[in-house]
Amino acid sequence: MTEIDFAFSAPDRLRTACQIVARHHQAGHKLVVFCRDGGRLNAFDQMLWALDDISFIPHVRVSDPLAAQTPVILTASDAATPHHDWLVNLDDAWPPIYTRFRRVIEVVSNDVADREAARDRWRFYQECGHTIVRHDVSRQQLP
């Protein structure tokens, strides 16, 4: 069954998600980043390019011909993805593709609306019987 990690108290949701993706990429993990909001997904895409002056996080959209060979995939749809280990959800709702993955990472900022949406996702996952692990980003606890 899919395990769920919630990273709470992120000062900036997208930047924290980039740091998490970078950390997992450095550990050799393959990830899929999901968000139906095209503007947010584009902003995340741009942030991956500018996260660090000396590092590069290879990433493409799920429709790219190189998706199967690229460690980080960005998607806004429930189409098939080449990787199924880690899913980073940047959407406000639970991702419809989450059960395909071994682990899901939910990043939650201090924004009131973001926290409310995260509570709904937490309840959904909990009602489905998933193990949920809480990480406090303000204490440098990244999943």
Protein backbone atom coordinates (compact mmCIF):
# COMPACT_ATOMS: atom_id res chain seq x y z
CA MET A 1 0.00 0.00 0.00
CA THR A 2 1.19 3.51 -0.81
CA GLU A 3 2.91 5.36 2.04
CA ILE A 4 2.23 9.07 2.42
CA ASP A 5 4.69 11.72 3.66
CA PHE A 6 3.43 15.20 4.60
CA ALA A 7 6.06 17.94 4.77
CA PHE A 8 4.42 20.71 6.83
CA SER A 9 5.41 24.32 7.57
CA ALA A 10 7.19 24.91 4.26
CA PRO A 11 7.99 28.63 3.95
CA ASP A 12 7.53 28.31 0.17
CA ARG A 13 5.71 25.24 -1.17
CA LEU A 14 7.38 25.14 -4.59
CA ARG A 15 10.89 25.90 -3.35
CA THR A 16 10.60 23.25 -0.65
CA ALA A 17 9.31 20.76 -3.24
CA CYS A 18 12.35 21.59 -5.42
CA GLN A 19 14.67 20.93 -2.48
CA ILE A 20 12.94 17.61 -1.81
CA VAL A 21 13.16 16.62 -5.47
CA ALA A 22 16.85 17.62 -5.56
CA ARG A 23 17.57 15.57 -2.44
CA HIS A 24 15.84 12.49 -3.84
CA HIS A 25 17.49 12.93 -7.24
CA GLN A 26 20.90 13.05 -5.56
CA ALA A 27 19.99 9.80 -3.77
CA GLY A 28 19.31 8.18 -7.15
CA HIS A 29 15.52 8.10 -6.88
CA LYS A 30 13.14 8.62 -9.80
CA LEU A 31 10.20 10.92 -9.17
CA VAL A 32 6.99 12.12 -10.74
CA VAL A 33 5.67 15.58 -9.88
CA PHE A 34 1.92 15.98 -10.28
CA CYS A 35 -0.10 19.20 -10.49
CA ARG A 36 -3.19 19.94 -12.57
CA ASP A 37 -2.60 23.70 -12.25
CA GLY A 38 -0.54 24.44 -15.38
CA GLY A 39 0.73 27.75 -14.01
CA ARG A 40 1.99 26.15 -10.81
CA LEU A 41 3.58 23.27 -12.72
CA ASN A 42 5.30 25.74 -15.07
CA ALA A 43 6.56 27.76 -12.10
CA PHE A 44 7.93 24.56 -10.55
CA ASP A 45 9.57 23.64 -13.86
CA GLN A 46 11.30 27.04 -13.99
CA MET A 47 12.33 26.77 -10.35
CA LEU A 48 14.02 23.42 -11.01
CA TRP A 49 16.21 25.14 -13.59
CA ALA A 50 17.17 27.93 -11.18
CA LEU A 51 17.34 26.08 -7.85
CA ASP A 52 21.11 26.05 -7.63
CA ASP A 53 23.76 27.61 -9.85
CA ILE A 54 25.97 24.53 -9.81
CA SER A 55 23.49 21.66 -9.94
CA PHE A 56 21.13 20.32 -12.56
CA ILE A 57 18.02 18.26 -11.98
CA PRO A 58 17.13 16.48 -15.23
CA HIS A 59 13.38 16.75 -15.75
CA VAL A 60 10.87 16.65 -18.61
CA ARG A 61 7.12 16.52 -19.14
CA VAL A 62 5.54 13.09 -19.23
CA SER A 63 4.87 13.47 -22.97
CA ASP A 64 8.54 14.06 -23.80
CA PRO A 65 10.20 11.27 -25.84
CA LEU A 66 12.96 11.12 -23.20
CA ALA A 67 10.58 10.66 -20.25
CA ALA A 68 11.50 7.02 -19.67
CA GLN A 69 15.20 7.93 -19.37
CA THR A 70 14.71 11.09 -17.28
CA PRO A 71 14.68 10.82 -13.47
CA VAL A 72 12.13 13.58 -12.81
CA ILE A 73 8.84 13.68 -14.71
CA LEU A 74 6.32 16.53 -14.57
CA THR A 75 2.67 15.79 -15.29
CA ALA A 76 -0.74 17.43 -15.07
CA SER A 77 -2.70 14.39 -16.16
CA ASP A 78 -3.51 10.90 -15.00
CA ALA A 79 -1.73 9.41 -18.03
CA ALA A 80 0.75 6.59 -17.50
CA THR A 81 4.18 7.55 -16.17
CA PRO A 82 7.48 5.70 -16.60
CA HIS A 83 8.37 5.85 -12.87
CA HIS A 84 6.33 4.51 -9.95
CA ASP A 85 8.43 4.90 -6.82
CA TRP A 86 7.99 8.51 -5.66
CA LEU A 87 5.18 10.97 -6.41
CA VAL A 88 5.40 14.60 -5.32
CA ASN A 89 1.94 16.16 -5.26
CA LEU A 90 1.74 19.91 -5.84
CA ASP A 91 -1.98 19.86 -6.55
CA ASP A 92 -4.56 21.12 -4.06
CA ALA A 93 -6.43 17.79 -4.20
CA TRP A 94 -5.19 14.24 -3.83
CA PRO A 95 -3.67 13.01 -7.10
CA PRO A 96 -5.80 10.43 -8.92
CA ILE A 97 -2.63 8.51 -9.86
CA TYR A 98 -1.25 8.16 -6.33
CA THR A 99 -1.99 4.44 -5.93
CA ARG A 100 0.49 3.65 -8.71
CA PHE A 101 3.34 4.82 -6.47
CA ARG A 102 5.19 3.35 -3.53
CA ARG A 103 5.39 6.75 -1.75
CA VAL A 104 3.68 10.10 -2.06
CA ILE A 105 5.16 13.36 -0.79
CA GLU A 106 2.74 16.17 0.05
CA VAL A 107 4.32 19.59 0.57
CA VAL A 108 2.29 22.04 2.65
CA SER A 109 3.09 25.72 3.18
CA ASN A 110 1.96 27.97 6.02
CA ASP A 111 -0.69 29.53 3.78
CA VAL A 112 -4.16 29.09 5.31
CA ALA A 113 -5.80 27.82 2.11
CA ASP A 114 -2.91 25.43 1.49
CA ARG A 115 -3.17 24.02 5.02
CA GLU A 116 -6.94 23.53 4.66
CA ALA A 117 -6.51 21.67 1.38
CA ALA A 118 -3.77 19.55 3.00
CA ARG A 119 -6.08 18.63 5.87
CA ASP A 120 -8.61 17.35 3.32
CA ARG A 121 -5.92 15.29 1.61
CA TRP A 122 -4.71 13.94 4.99
CA ARG A 123 -8.27 12.85 5.89
CA PHE A 124 -8.68 11.21 2.48
CA TYR A 125 -5.45 9.22 2.81
CA GLN A 126 -6.25 8.32 6.41
CA GLU A 127 -9.75 7.10 5.49
CA CYS A 128 -8.18 4.94 2.78
CA GLY A 129 -5.98 3.30 5.42
CA HIS A 130 -2.58 4.65 4.31
CA THR A 131 0.36 5.05 6.66
CA ILE A 132 1.08 8.77 7.01
CA VAL A 133 4.40 10.21 8.17
CA ARG A 134 4.58 13.84 9.25
CA HIS A 135 7.72 15.94 8.62
CA ASP A 136 8.21 19.44 10.05
CA VAL A 137 10.07 21.45 7.42
CA SER A 138 10.68 24.28 9.90
CA ARG A 139 12.87 21.78 11.80
CA GLN A 140 14.68 20.70 8.63
CA GLN A 141 12.78 17.40 8.48
CA LEU A 142 12.48 16.72 4.75
CA PRO A 143 10.97 13.47 3.49
